[in-house]
N, C-alpha and C. Protein backbone atom coordinates (compact mmCIF):
# COMPACT_ATOMS: atom_id res chain seq x y z
N MET A 1 0.99 -1.03 -0.12
CA MET A 1 -0.05 -0.02 0.02
C MET A 1 0.86 1.20 0.09
N ILE A 2 0.39 2.22 -0.61
CA ILE A 2 1.20 3.57 -0.74
C ILE A 2 0.35 4.63 -0.16
N ASN A 3 0.78 5.17 0.78
CA ASN A 3 0.10 6.31 1.47
C ASN A 3 0.34 7.59 0.62
N LEU A 4 -0.70 8.44 0.41
CA LEU A 4 -0.49 9.65 -0.48
C LEU A 4 -1.53 10.58 0.02
N GLY A 5 -1.05 11.42 1.02
CA GLY A 5 -2.04 12.47 1.47
C GLY A 5 -3.36 11.90 2.13
N GLY A 6 -3.12 10.77 2.96
CA GLY A 6 -4.32 10.23 3.56
C GLY A 6 -4.95 9.01 2.71
N ASP A 7 -4.95 9.20 1.36
CA ASP A 7 -5.32 8.08 0.77
C ASP A 7 -4.32 6.94 0.42
N ILE A 8 -4.79 5.55 0.28
CA ILE A 8 -3.53 4.64 0.09
C ILE A 8 -3.97 3.85 -1.14
N ILE A 9 -3.01 4.11 -2.13
CA ILE A 9 -3.20 3.53 -3.47
C ILE A 9 -3.02 2.06 -3.23
N VAL A 10 -3.87 1.17 -3.65
CA VAL A 10 -3.71 -0.45 -3.43
C VAL A 10 -3.75 -1.14 -4.78
N ALA A 11 -4.17 -0.41 -6.02
CA ALA A 11 -4.07 -1.16 -7.10
C ALA A 11 -4.17 -0.06 -8.41
N ILE A 12 -3.51 -0.54 -9.51
CA ILE A 12 -3.64 0.21 -10.78
C ILE A 12 -4.30 -0.64 -11.71
N ASN A 13 -5.45 -0.11 -12.30
CA ASN A 13 -6.10 -1.23 -13.27
C ASN A 13 -6.48 -2.43 -12.65
N GLY A 14 -6.69 -2.52 -11.47
CA GLY A 14 -7.06 -3.94 -10.81
C GLY A 14 -5.82 -4.73 -10.44
N GLN A 15 -4.80 -4.21 -10.81
CA GLN A 15 -3.27 -4.85 -10.38
C GLN A 15 -2.97 -4.43 -9.08
N PRO A 16 -3.07 -5.16 -7.88
CA PRO A 16 -2.45 -4.72 -6.62
C PRO A 16 -0.98 -4.30 -6.69
N VAL A 17 -0.82 -3.26 -6.05
CA VAL A 17 0.54 -2.57 -5.79
C VAL A 17 0.79 -2.59 -4.35
N SER A 18 1.91 -2.95 -3.89
CA SER A 18 2.32 -2.75 -2.48
C SER A 18 3.34 -1.86 -2.00
N ASP A 19 3.99 -1.08 -2.90
CA ASP A 19 4.63 -0.08 -2.71
C ASP A 19 5.00 0.87 -3.81
N SER A 20 5.65 1.99 -3.62
CA SER A 20 5.79 3.09 -4.72
C SER A 20 6.55 2.52 -5.82
N ASP A 21 7.53 1.53 -5.52
CA ASP A 21 8.42 1.01 -6.65
C ASP A 21 7.62 0.11 -7.76
N GLN A 22 6.70 -0.58 -6.97
CA GLN A 22 5.91 -1.43 -7.81
C GLN A 22 4.97 -0.44 -8.79
N LEU A 23 4.32 0.39 -8.05
CA LEU A 23 3.51 1.37 -8.73
C LEU A 23 4.08 2.00 -10.07
N ILE A 24 5.40 2.53 -9.87
CA ILE A 24 6.18 3.11 -10.85
C ILE A 24 6.52 2.18 -11.93
N GLY A 25 6.93 0.86 -11.60
CA GLY A 25 7.25 -0.09 -12.40
C GLY A 25 5.95 -0.45 -13.27
N VAL A 26 4.84 -0.61 -12.73
CA VAL A 26 3.68 -0.87 -13.69
C VAL A 26 3.44 0.16 -14.63
N LEU A 27 3.56 1.53 -14.09
CA LEU A 27 3.37 2.72 -14.92
C LEU A 27 4.21 2.87 -16.03
N ASP A 28 5.37 2.44 -15.81
CA ASP A 28 6.52 2.58 -16.74
C ASP A 28 6.57 1.74 -17.65
N LEU A 29 6.21 0.26 -17.27
CA LEU A 29 6.32 -0.81 -18.29
C LEU A 29 5.02 -0.97 -19.05
N GLU A 30 3.89 -0.48 -18.45
CA GLU A 30 2.69 -0.81 -19.14
C GLU A 30 1.87 0.20 -19.84
N HIS A 31 2.26 1.47 -19.61
CA HIS A 31 1.60 2.65 -20.00
C HIS A 31 2.52 3.61 -20.57
N VAL A 32 1.86 4.64 -21.30
CA VAL A 32 2.47 5.74 -22.02
C VAL A 32 1.86 7.03 -21.51
N VAL A 33 2.46 8.10 -21.72
CA VAL A 33 1.84 9.46 -21.34
C VAL A 33 0.70 9.48 -22.26
N GLY A 34 -0.56 9.81 -21.57
CA GLY A 34 -1.92 9.82 -22.36
C GLY A 34 -2.95 8.81 -22.04
N ASP A 35 -2.16 7.50 -21.43
CA ASP A 35 -3.09 6.46 -21.19
C ASP A 35 -3.99 6.87 -20.14
N THR A 36 -5.34 6.14 -20.02
CA THR A 36 -6.20 6.30 -19.08
C THR A 36 -5.98 5.26 -18.34
N ILE A 37 -5.89 5.29 -16.83
CA ILE A 37 -5.77 4.40 -15.99
C ILE A 37 -6.83 4.45 -14.67
N THR A 38 -7.11 3.37 -14.14
CA THR A 38 -7.81 3.33 -13.03
C THR A 38 -7.17 3.01 -11.77
N LEU A 39 -7.25 4.14 -10.80
CA LEU A 39 -6.45 3.86 -9.43
C LEU A 39 -7.59 3.48 -8.36
N THR A 40 -7.24 2.29 -7.75
CA THR A 40 -7.83 2.02 -6.48
C THR A 40 -7.25 2.51 -5.32
N VAL A 41 -7.98 3.16 -4.56
CA VAL A 41 -7.27 3.88 -3.33
C VAL A 41 -8.42 3.48 -1.98
N LEU A 42 -7.72 3.41 -0.84
CA LEU A 42 -8.53 3.48 0.23
C LEU A 42 -8.77 4.90 0.84
N ARG A 43 -9.76 5.51 1.04
CA ARG A 43 -9.86 6.48 1.41
C ARG A 43 -10.92 6.49 2.94
N ASP A 44 -10.57 6.80 4.17
CA ASP A 44 -11.26 6.55 5.33
C ASP A 44 -11.61 5.02 5.33
N GLY A 45 -10.74 4.18 4.96
CA GLY A 45 -10.84 2.80 5.06
C GLY A 45 -11.93 2.26 4.11
N ALA A 46 -12.36 2.97 3.03
CA ALA A 46 -13.42 2.56 2.36
C ALA A 46 -12.68 2.66 0.56
N PRO A 47 -12.78 1.47 0.08
CA PRO A 47 -12.19 1.45 -1.35
C PRO A 47 -12.91 2.26 -2.26
N ARG A 48 -12.25 3.04 -3.06
CA ARG A 48 -12.76 4.03 -4.43
C ARG A 48 -11.92 3.88 -5.51
N MET A 49 -12.63 3.81 -6.67
CA MET A 49 -11.85 3.71 -7.92
C MET A 49 -11.96 5.17 -8.50
N TRP A 50 -10.79 5.75 -9.12
CA TRP A 50 -10.69 6.84 -9.84
C TRP A 50 -10.14 6.61 -11.27
N THR A 51 -10.80 7.16 -12.25
CA THR A 51 -10.23 7.04 -13.56
C THR A 51 -9.49 8.26 -14.00
């Protein structure tokens, strides 16, 4: 999980990420600038998805 201003990033496009290195790796290897992604975050303990 990655803490970001109170939100915790737990997945990108449904793929779980456990730390910032993994998040950056997924973004770098599987996406290019301009791609639309979906982040799953925990906010106040509840999962939310943002595109």
